[in-house]
């Protein structure tokens, strides 16, 4: 039986390079540090990378998410407990990673044949029960495909990352409209890599007006994150940085009982 208060949060962007994997890893770590039991799934089977952000040695992985979709293991068998090595259990929380395989064979198979996202969705209940989870974070493949749509459809919250970029705007319009039709309970925008000189308040208002959904966080382009090159958890390495405070607030919101639904922001011209 699924733990009644578990939250499923999917992170999605129209294009790569938005900082989605970094945000997924940091939110999962911060939620675990606050006392939650968290699992992070790298469902970007075509170009996995969350394990790099978390500094996970893939050699220790007996099974991966790729093995699960190939029906070689149970979903919970792909979980790696990173709680101790990432110092995520100070408040009693747990942090698990379910990575995807970096092997050429596994990636080309997924690119060519896709995978049964319905099988993954059905197995999530068993994962939640086996690990006693409070939060399930899914780092999705950029763009829209059948697998991403099915994953988004079972999410409690969809975080859509958007940069101040014309292509991102056009793609985000498609993603949010599809998510609305899928009846995802909570759709939130995250302004990502906001350049220095861009007024975050004005940009937030512009996004909410354009897409009709609340901007839950505005994250500036931080040189320190770029210098990490996706090889570390920024919140762990720089706990006092102002951006970490933004991430902490977002993680707390995702865990809050009343975060299941958020009202849409009325876009200009709508009724």
C-alpha atoms as a PDB file:
ATOM      1  CA  UNK A   1       0.000   0.000   0.000  1.00  0.00           C
ATOM      2  CA  UNK A   2       1.384   3.442  -0.967  1.00  0.00           C
ATOM      3  CA  UNK A   3       2.394   5.641   1.945  1.00  0.00           C
ATOM      4  CA  UNK A   4      -0.489   8.152   2.063  1.00  0.00           C
ATOM      5  CA  UNK A   5       1.601  11.307   2.379  1.00  0.00           C
ATOM      6  CA  UNK A   6       4.264  10.500  -0.221  1.00  0.00           C
ATOM      7  CA  UNK A   7       4.826  13.202  -2.843  1.00  0.00           C
ATOM      8  CA  UNK A   8       5.883  12.479  -6.419  1.00  0.00           C
ATOM      9  CA  UNK A   9       7.672  15.437  -7.979  1.00  0.00           C
ATOM     10  CA  UNK A  10       8.834  15.460 -11.603  1.00  0.00           C
ATOM     11  CA  UNK A  11      11.302  17.995 -13.002  1.00  0.00           C
ATOM     12  CA  UNK A  12      10.993  18.801 -16.673  1.00  0.00           C
ATOM     13  CA  UNK A  13      12.342  21.322 -19.164  1.00  0.00           C
ATOM     14  CA  UNK A  14      11.837  21.818 -22.881  1.00  0.00           C
ATOM     15  CA  UNK A  15      15.575  21.694 -23.619  1.00  0.00           C
ATOM     16  CA  UNK A  16      18.696  20.447 -21.900  1.00  0.00           C
ATOM     17  CA  UNK A  17      21.073  22.764 -20.096  1.00  0.00           C
ATOM     18  CA  UNK A  18      18.516  24.319 -17.774  1.00  0.00           C
ATOM     19  CA  UNK A  19      20.155  22.956 -14.614  1.00  0.00           C
ATOM     20  CA  UNK A  20      17.424  20.359 -14.108  1.00  0.00           C
ATOM     21  CA  UNK A  21      19.675  17.551 -12.846  1.00  0.00           C
ATOM     22  CA  UNK A  22      21.485  19.922 -10.490  1.00  0.00           C
ATOM     23  CA  UNK A  23      18.176  21.175  -9.127  1.00  0.00           C
ATOM     24  CA  UNK A  24      16.865  17.616  -8.715  1.00  0.00           C
ATOM     25  CA  UNK A  25      19.948  16.569  -6.751  1.00  0.00           C
ATOM     26  CA  UNK A  26      19.992  19.657  -4.540  1.00  0.00           C
ATOM     27  CA  UNK A  27      16.275  19.475  -3.733  1.00  0.00           C
ATOM     28  CA  UNK A  28      16.500  15.765  -2.903  1.00  0.00           C
ATOM     29  CA  UNK A  29      19.524  16.333  -0.640  1.00  0.00           C
ATOM     30  CA  UNK A  30      17.946  19.305   1.146  1.00  0.00           C
ATOM     31  CA  UNK A  31      14.696  17.400   1.693  1.00  0.00           C
ATOM     32  CA  UNK A  32      16.621  14.478   3.179  1.00  0.00           C
ATOM     33  CA  UNK A  33      18.636  16.835   5.394  1.00  0.00           C
ATOM     34  CA  UNK A  34      15.365  18.221   6.743  1.00  0.00           C
ATOM     35  CA  UNK A  35      14.343  14.738   7.890  1.00  0.00           C
ATOM     36  CA  UNK A  36      12.434  13.339   4.908  1.00  0.00           C
ATOM     37  CA  UNK A  37      12.992   9.924   3.343  1.00  0.00           C
ATOM     38  CA  UNK A  38      13.731  10.701  -0.293  1.00  0.00           C
ATOM     39  CA  UNK A  39      14.430   8.733  -3.443  1.00  0.00           C
ATOM     40  CA  UNK A  40      15.782  10.392  -6.597  1.00  0.00           C
ATOM     41  CA  UNK A  41      15.126   8.588  -9.872  1.00  0.00           C
ATOM     42  CA  UNK A  42      17.176   9.438 -12.945  1.00  0.00           C
ATOM     43  CA  UNK A  43      14.460   8.750 -15.521  1.00  0.00           C
ATOM     44  CA  UNK A  44      16.520  10.410 -18.243  1.00  0.00           C
ATOM     45  CA  UNK A  45      17.605   6.995 -19.494  1.00  0.00           C
ATOM     46  CA  UNK A  46      18.908   8.476 -22.755  1.00  0.00           C
ATOM     47  CA  UNK A  47      21.384  10.854 -21.124  1.00  0.00           C
ATOM     48  CA  UNK A  48      21.683  10.071 -17.387  1.00  0.00           C
ATOM     49  CA  UNK A  49      23.738  12.337 -15.189  1.00  0.00           C
ATOM     50  CA  UNK A  50      22.303  12.820 -11.685  1.00  0.00           C
ATOM     51  CA  UNK A  51      24.815  10.309 -10.303  1.00  0.00           C
ATOM     52  CA  UNK A  52      27.603  12.687 -11.370  1.00  0.00           C
ATOM     53  CA  UNK A  53      26.103  15.565  -9.385  1.00  0.00           C
ATOM     54  CA  UNK A  54      25.838  13.294  -6.342  1.00  0.00           C
ATOM     55  CA  UNK A  55      29.373  11.963  -6.830  1.00  0.00           C
ATOM     56  CA  UNK A  56      28.180   8.359  -7.013  1.00  0.00           C
ATOM     57  CA  UNK A  57      30.577   5.684  -8.227  1.00  0.00           C
ATOM     58  CA  UNK A  58      28.509   3.624 -10.664  1.00  0.00           C
ATOM     59  CA  UNK A  59      30.778   0.642 -10.021  1.00  0.00           C
ATOM     60  CA  UNK A  60      28.959   0.102  -6.719  1.00  0.00           C
ATOM     61  CA  UNK A  61      25.611  -0.216  -8.497  1.00  0.00           C
ATOM     62  CA  UNK A  62      24.440  -3.819  -8.818  1.00  0.00           C
ATOM     63  CA  UNK A  63      21.311  -2.811 -10.731  1.00  0.00           C
ATOM     64  CA  UNK A  64      20.135   0.432 -12.343  1.00  0.00           C
ATOM     65  CA  UNK A  65      16.856   1.859 -13.509  1.00  0.00           C
ATOM     66  CA  UNK A  66      17.866   0.630 -16.957  1.00  0.00           C
ATOM     67  CA  UNK A  67      17.940  -2.922 -15.595  1.00  0.00           C
ATOM     68  CA  UNK A  68      14.466  -2.452 -14.159  1.00  0.00           C
ATOM     69  CA  UNK A  69      12.928  -1.302 -17.445  1.00  0.00           C
ATOM     70  CA  UNK A  70      14.665  -4.282 -19.098  1.00  0.00           C
ATOM     71  CA  UNK A  71      12.883  -6.463 -16.470  1.00  0.00           C
ATOM     72  CA  UNK A  72      16.121  -7.724 -14.903  1.00  0.00           C
ATOM     73  CA  UNK A  73      15.366  -6.553 -11.342  1.00  0.00           C
ATOM     74  CA  UNK A  74      12.757  -5.076  -9.035  1.00  0.00           C
ATOM     75  CA  UNK A  75      12.709  -1.284  -8.847  1.00  0.00           C
ATOM     76  CA  UNK A  76      13.847  -1.142  -5.210  1.00  0.00           C
ATOM     77  CA  UNK A  77      16.884  -3.282  -6.102  1.00  0.00           C
ATOM     78  CA  UNK A  78      18.242  -0.349  -8.121  1.00  0.00           C
ATOM     79  CA  UNK A  79      18.277   1.952  -5.066  1.00  0.00           C
ATOM     80  CA  UNK A  80      21.626   3.073  -3.653  1.00  0.00           C
ATOM     81  CA  UNK A  81      21.605   4.439  -0.100  1.00  0.00           C
ATOM     82  CA  UNK A  82      23.683   7.641  -0.131  1.00  0.00           C
ATOM     83  CA  UNK A  83      22.547   8.907   3.268  1.00  0.00           C
ATOM     84  CA  UNK A  84      25.793   8.465   5.174  1.00  0.00           C
ATOM     85  CA  UNK A  85      28.314   9.407   2.517  1.00  0.00           C
ATOM     86  CA  UNK A  86      26.408  12.600   1.664  1.00  0.00           C
ATOM     87  CA  UNK A  87      25.690  13.421   5.325  1.00  0.00           C
ATOM     88  CA  UNK A  88      21.989  13.602   4.545  1.00  0.00           C
ATOM     89  CA  UNK A  89      20.693  11.886   7.685  1.00  0.00           C
ATOM     90  CA  UNK A  90      21.401  14.473  10.370  1.00  0.00           C
ATOM     91  CA  UNK A  91      17.661  14.920  11.084  1.00  0.00           C
ATOM     92  CA  UNK A  92      16.701  11.298  10.528  1.00  0.00           C
ATOM     93  CA  UNK A  93      16.167  11.562   6.777  1.00  0.00           C
ATOM     94  CA  UNK A  94      17.299   9.139   4.087  1.00  0.00           C
ATOM     95  CA  UNK A  95      18.547   9.716   0.554  1.00  0.00           C
ATOM     96  CA  UNK A  96      18.417   7.035  -2.130  1.00  0.00           C
ATOM     97  CA  UNK A  97      19.483   7.284  -5.743  1.00  0.00           C
ATOM     98  CA  UNK A  98      18.143   5.095  -8.515  1.00  0.00           C
ATOM     99  CA  UNK A  99      20.610   5.816 -11.335  1.00  0.00           C
ATOM    100  CA  UNK A 100      20.350   4.897 -14.980  1.00  0.00           C
ATOM    101  CA  UNK A 101      23.051   2.974 -16.811  1.00  0.00           C
ATOM    102  CA  UNK A 102      25.798   4.816 -18.671  1.00  0.00           C
ATOM    103  CA  UNK A 103      26.502   1.813 -20.908  1.00  0.00           C
ATOM    104  CA  UNK A 104      26.252   2.404 -24.644  1.00  0.00           C
ATOM    105  CA  UNK A 105      24.138  -0.723 -25.015  1.00  0.00           C
ATOM    106  CA  UNK A 106      21.529   0.397 -22.478  1.00  0.00           C
ATOM    107  CA  UNK A 107      21.319   3.958 -23.844  1.00  0.00           C
ATOM    108  CA  UNK A 108      21.031   2.941 -27.499  1.00  0.00           C
ATOM    109  CA  UNK A 109      18.330   0.415 -26.582  1.00  0.00           C
ATOM    110  CA  UNK A 110      16.258   3.124 -24.906  1.00  0.00           C
ATOM    111  CA  UNK A 111      16.822   5.560 -27.776  1.00  0.00           C
ATOM    112  CA  UNK A 112      15.760   2.942 -30.296  1.00  0.00           C
ATOM    113  CA  UNK A 113      12.905   1.224 -28.480  1.00  0.00           C
ATOM    114  CA  UNK A 114      11.877   3.478 -25.614  1.00  0.00           C
ATOM    115  CA  UNK A 115      10.696   1.833 -22.403  1.00  0.00           C
ATOM    116  CA  UNK A 116       7.497   0.886 -20.644  1.00  0.00           C
ATOM    117  CA  UNK A 117       6.806   3.948 -18.502  1.00  0.00           C
ATOM    118  CA  UNK A 118       3.592   2.314 -17.303  1.00  0.00           C
ATOM    119  CA  UNK A 119       5.668  -0.464 -15.763  1.00  0.00           C
ATOM    120  CA  UNK A 120       7.755   2.145 -13.942  1.00  0.00           C
ATOM    121  CA  UNK A 121       4.681   3.995 -12.736  1.00  0.00           C
ATOM    122  CA  UNK A 122       3.126   0.819 -11.353  1.00  0.00           C
ATOM    123  CA  UNK A 123       6.355  -0.137  -9.572  1.00  0.00           C
ATOM    124  CA  UNK A 124       6.624   3.186  -7.743  1.00  0.00           C
ATOM    125  CA  UNK A 125       4.115   2.045  -5.111  1.00  0.00           C
ATOM    126  CA  UNK A 126       6.350  -0.903  -4.241  1.00  0.00           C
ATOM    127  CA  UNK A 127       9.389   1.377  -4.058  1.00  0.00           C
ATOM    128  CA  UNK A 128       7.599   3.795  -1.730  1.00  0.00           C
ATOM    129  CA  UNK A 129       6.552   0.960   0.556  1.00  0.00           C
ATOM    130  CA  UNK A 130       9.943  -0.779   0.544  1.00  0.00           C
ATOM    131  CA  UNK A 131      11.867   2.387   1.409  1.00  0.00           C
ATOM    132  CA  UNK A 132       9.194   4.167   3.468  1.00  0.00           C
ATOM    133  CA  UNK A 133       9.456   7.290   1.327  1.00  0.00           C
ATOM    134  CA  UNK A 134       8.087  10.757   1.935  1.00  0.00           C
ATOM    135  CA  UNK A 135       9.277  12.205  -1.371  1.00  0.00           C
ATOM    136  CA  UNK A 136       9.951  10.701  -4.785  1.00  0.00           C
ATOM    137  CA  UNK A 137      11.872  13.011  -7.147  1.00  0.00           C
ATOM    138  CA  UNK A 138      12.010  12.196 -10.864  1.00  0.00           C
ATOM    139  CA  UNK A 139      14.599  13.870 -13.070  1.00  0.00           C
ATOM    140  CA  UNK A 140      12.998  13.547 -16.520  1.00  0.00           C
ATOM    141  CA  UNK A 141      14.411  13.602 -20.037  1.00  0.00           C
ATOM    142  CA  UNK A 142      14.182  17.094 -21.600  1.00  0.00           C
ATOM    143  CA  UNK A 143      11.316  17.742 -23.985  1.00  0.00           C
ATOM    144  CA  UNK A 144       8.156  15.764 -24.466  1.00  0.00           C
ATOM    145  CA  UNK A 145       7.932  12.107 -25.364  1.00  0.00           C
ATOM    146  CA  UNK A 146       5.576   9.271 -24.485  1.00  0.00           C
ATOM    147  CA  UNK A 147       7.566   8.193 -21.411  1.00  0.00           C
ATOM    148  CA  UNK A 148       7.812  11.707 -20.016  1.00  0.00           C
ATOM    149  CA  UNK A 149       4.091  12.289 -20.494  1.00  0.00           C
ATOM    150  CA  UNK A 150       3.178   9.097 -18.639  1.00  0.00           C
ATOM    151  CA  UNK A 151       5.534   9.986 -15.792  1.00  0.00           C
ATOM    152  CA  UNK A 152       4.169  13.519 -15.537  1.00  0.00           C
ATOM    153  CA  UNK A 153       0.638  12.160 -15.390  1.00  0.00           C
ATOM    154  CA  UNK A 154       1.260  10.339 -12.084  1.00  0.00           C
ATOM    155  CA  UNK A 155       3.091  13.252 -10.454  1.00  0.00           C
ATOM    156  CA  UNK A 156       1.662  15.308  -7.619  1.00  0.00           C
ATOM    157  CA  UNK A 157       3.802  18.260  -8.653  1.00  0.00           C
ATOM    158  CA  UNK A 158       5.476  19.109 -11.940  1.00  0.00           C
ATOM    159  CA  UNK A 159       8.339  21.601 -11.780  1.00  0.00           C
ATOM    160  CA  UNK A 160       8.938  23.130 -15.207  1.00  0.00           C
ATOM    161  CA  UNK A 161      12.287  24.882 -15.593  1.00  0.00           C
ATOM    162  CA  UNK A 162      12.440  27.825 -17.968  1.00  0.00           C
ATOM    163  CA  UNK A 163      15.292  30.178 -18.821  1.00  0.00           C
ATOM    164  CA  UNK A 164      15.010  33.744 -20.165  1.00  0.00           C
ATOM    165  CA  UNK A 165      15.286  32.404 -23.705  1.00  0.00           C
ATOM    166  CA  UNK A 166      12.862  32.551 -26.661  1.00  0.00           C
ATOM    167  CA  UNK A 167      13.103  28.816 -27.439  1.00  0.00           C
ATOM    168  CA  UNK A 168      12.525  27.934 -23.784  1.00  0.00           C
ATOM    169  CA  UNK A 169       9.429  30.152 -23.768  1.00  0.00           C
ATOM    170  CA  UNK A 170       7.903  28.471 -26.811  1.00  0.00           C
ATOM    171  CA  UNK A 171       8.659  24.967 -25.515  1.00  0.00           C
ATOM    172  CA  UNK A 172       7.405  25.761 -22.014  1.00  0.00           C
ATOM    173  CA  UNK A 173       4.090  26.907 -23.484  1.00  0.00           C
ATOM    174  CA  UNK A 174       3.665  23.436 -25.005  1.00  0.00           C
ATOM    175  CA  UNK A 175       4.745  21.610 -21.831  1.00  0.00           C
ATOM    176  CA  UNK A 176       2.430  23.559 -19.536  1.00  0.00           C
ATOM    177  CA  UNK A 177      -0.535  23.126 -21.881  1.00  0.00           C
ATOM    178  CA  UNK A 178       0.026  19.367 -22.079  1.00  0.00           C
ATOM    179  CA  UNK A 179       0.453  19.153 -18.287  1.00  0.00           C
ATOM    180  CA  UNK A 180      -2.792  21.077 -17.830  1.00  0.00           C
ATOM    181  CA  UNK A 181      -4.603  18.555 -20.043  1.00  0.00           C
ATOM    182  CA  UNK A 182      -3.070  15.692 -18.053  1.00  0.00           C
ATOM    183  CA  UNK A 183      -4.614  17.221 -14.903  1.00  0.00           C
ATOM    184  CA  UNK A 184      -1.353  17.249 -12.952  1.00  0.00           C
ATOM    185  CA  UNK A 185      -2.479  18.501  -9.506  1.00  0.00           C
ATOM    186  CA  UNK A 186       0.267  21.113  -9.137  1.00  0.00           C
ATOM    187  CA  UNK A 187       2.244  22.734 -11.953  1.00  0.00           C
ATOM    188  CA  UNK A 188       4.925  25.162 -10.837  1.00  0.00           C
ATOM    189  CA  UNK A 189       7.471  27.114 -12.847  1.00  0.00           C
ATOM    190  CA  UNK A 190      11.102  27.579 -11.876  1.00  0.00           C
ATOM    191  CA  UNK A 191      12.947  30.465 -13.483  1.00  0.00           C
ATOM    192  CA  UNK A 192      16.410  29.023 -14.065  1.00  0.00           C
ATOM    193  CA  UNK A 193      19.777  30.557 -14.842  1.00  0.00           C
ATOM    194  CA  UNK A 194      18.427  34.087 -14.634  1.00  0.00           C
ATOM    195  CA  UNK A 195      21.221  36.321 -15.864  1.00  0.00           C
ATOM    196  CA  UNK A 196      22.702  39.141 -13.827  1.00  0.00           C
ATOM    197  CA  UNK A 197      20.913  42.335 -14.791  1.00  0.00           C
ATOM    198  CA  UNK A 198      17.557  40.635 -15.372  1.00  0.00           C
ATOM    199  CA  UNK A 199      15.030  41.888 -12.829  1.00  0.00           C
ATOM    200  CA  UNK A 200      13.836  38.662 -11.117  1.00  0.00           C
ATOM    201  CA  UNK A 201      10.548  40.231 -10.011  1.00  0.00           C
ATOM    202  CA  UNK A 202       9.746  41.464 -13.504  1.00  0.00           C
ATOM    203  CA  UNK A 203      10.800  38.162 -15.057  1.00  0.00           C
ATOM    204  CA  UNK A 204       8.647  36.221 -12.603  1.00  0.00           C
ATOM    205  CA  UNK A 205       5.656  38.400 -13.478  1.00  0.00           C
ATOM    206  CA  UNK A 206       6.351  37.880 -17.173  1.00  0.00           C
ATOM    207  CA  UNK A 207       6.412  34.084 -16.777  1.00  0.00           C
ATOM    208  CA  UNK A 208       3.221  33.972 -14.731  1.00  0.00           C
ATOM    209  CA  UNK A 209       1.469  36.218 -17.248  1.00  0.00           C
ATOM    210  CA  UNK A 210       2.679  34.133 -20.198  1.00  0.00           C
ATOM    211  CA  UNK A 211       1.923  30.651 -18.866  1.00  0.00           C
ATOM    212  CA  UNK A 212      -0.700  31.103 -16.178  1.00  0.00           C
ATOM    213  CA  UNK A 213       1.164  29.213 -13.455  1.00  0.00           C
ATOM    214  CA  UNK A 214       2.991  30.367 -10.347  1.00  0.00           C
ATOM    215  CA  UNK A 215       6.757  30.762 -10.343  1.00  0.00           C
ATOM    216  CA  UNK A 216       7.840  28.841  -7.247  1.00  0.00           C
ATOM    217  CA  UNK A 217      11.490  29.932  -7.397  1.00  0.00           C
ATOM    218  CA  UNK A 218      13.784  32.188  -9.378  1.00  0.00           C
ATOM    219  CA  UNK A 219      17.337  30.883  -9.497  1.00  0.00           C
ATOM    220  CA  UNK A 220      20.085  33.172 -10.791  1.00  0.00           C
ATOM    221  CA  UNK A 221      22.971  32.016 -12.938  1.00  0.00           C
ATOM    222  CA  UNK A 222      25.623  31.393 -10.269  1.00  0.00           C
ATOM    223  CA  UNK A 223      29.273  31.106 -11.363  1.00  0.00           C
ATOM    224  CA  UNK A 224      29.971  28.781  -8.443  1.00  0.00           C
ATOM    225  CA  UNK A 225      27.450  26.248  -9.727  1.00  0.00           C
ATOM    226  CA  UNK A 226      28.913  26.479 -13.213  1.00  0.00           C
ATOM    227  CA  UNK A 227      32.425  25.936 -11.869  1.00  0.00           C
ATOM    228  CA  UNK A 228      31.289  22.717 -10.197  1.00  0.00           C
ATOM    229  CA  UNK A 229      30.560  21.324 -13.636  1.00  0.00           C
ATOM    230  CA  UNK A 230      27.775  19.097 -12.226  1.00  0.00           C
ATOM    231  CA  UNK A 231      30.315  17.392  -9.974  1.00  0.00           C
ATOM    232  CA  UNK A 232      28.930  18.222  -6.557  1.00  0.00           C
ATOM    233  CA  UNK A 233      25.892  19.274  -4.531  1.00  0.00           C
ATOM    234  CA  UNK A 234      26.002  23.061  -4.357  1.00  0.00           C
ATOM    235  CA  UNK A 235      23.821  23.215  -1.237  1.00  0.00           C
ATOM    236  CA  UNK A 236      26.197  20.875   0.596  1.00  0.00           C
ATOM    237  CA  UNK A 237      29.345  22.706  -0.469  1.00  0.00           C
ATOM    238  CA  UNK A 238      28.002  26.262   0.008  1.00  0.00           C
ATOM    239  CA  UNK A 239      25.264  26.051   2.669  1.00  0.00           C
ATOM    240  CA  UNK A 240      25.299  29.795   3.398  1.00  0.00           C
ATOM    241  CA  UNK A 241      24.935  30.949  -0.211  1.00  0.00           C
ATOM    242  CA  UNK A 242      21.738  32.981  -0.880  1.00  0.00           C
ATOM    243  CA  UNK A 243      20.707  30.573  -3.646  1.00  0.00           C
ATOM    244  CA  UNK A 244      20.686  27.717  -1.139  1.00  0.00           C
ATOM    245  CA  UNK A 245      18.078  29.592   0.895  1.00  0.00           C
ATOM    246  CA  UNK A 246      15.897  29.695  -2.247  1.00  0.00           C
ATOM    247  CA  UNK A 247      16.384  25.963  -2.759  1.00  0.00           C
ATOM    248  CA  UNK A 248      15.565  25.236   0.893  1.00  0.00           C
ATOM    249  CA  UNK A 249      12.281  27.122   0.605  1.00  0.00           C
ATOM    250  CA  UNK A 250      11.378  25.193  -2.546  1.00  0.00           C
ATOM    251  CA  UNK A 251      12.241  21.842  -0.929  1.00  0.00           C
ATOM    252  CA  UNK A 252      10.127  22.707   2.113  1.00  0.00           C
ATOM    253  CA  UNK A 253       7.214  23.645  -0.115  1.00  0.00           C
ATOM    254  CA  UNK A 254       7.378  20.333  -1.959  1.00  0.00           C
ATOM    255  CA  UNK A 255       7.220  18.469   1.346  1.00  0.00           C
ATOM    256  CA  UNK A 256       4.391  20.536   2.811  1.00  0.00           C
ATOM    257  CA  UNK A 257       1.001  18.743   3.107  1.00  0.00           C
ATOM    258  CA  UNK A 258      -0.831  21.598   1.356  1.00  0.00           C
ATOM    259  CA  UNK A 259       1.498  21.572  -1.656  1.00  0.00           C
ATOM    260  CA  UNK A 260      -0.580  19.045  -3.580  1.00  0.00           C
ATOM    261  CA  UNK A 261      -2.450  21.719  -5.434  1.00  0.00           C
ATOM    262  CA  UNK A 262      -1.566  25.262  -6.344  1.00  0.00           C
ATOM    263  CA  UNK A 263      -3.966  27.731  -7.913  1.00  0.00           C
ATOM    264  CA  UNK A 264      -3.266  28.786 -11.449  1.00  0.00           C
ATOM    265  CA  UNK A 265      -2.254  32.396 -11.966  1.00  0.00           C
ATOM    266  CA  UNK A 266      -4.655  33.954 -14.431  1.00  0.00           C
ATOM    267  CA  UNK A 267      -2.784  34.938 -17.566  1.00  0.00           C
ATOM    268  CA  UNK A 268      -3.631  38.185 -19.284  1.00  0.00           C
ATOM    269  CA  UNK A 269      -6.573  37.757 -21.585  1.00  0.00           C
ATOM    270  CA  UNK A 270      -7.942  34.664 -19.819  1.00  0.00           C
ATOM    271  CA  UNK A 271     -11.114  34.395 -17.816  1.00  0.00           C
END
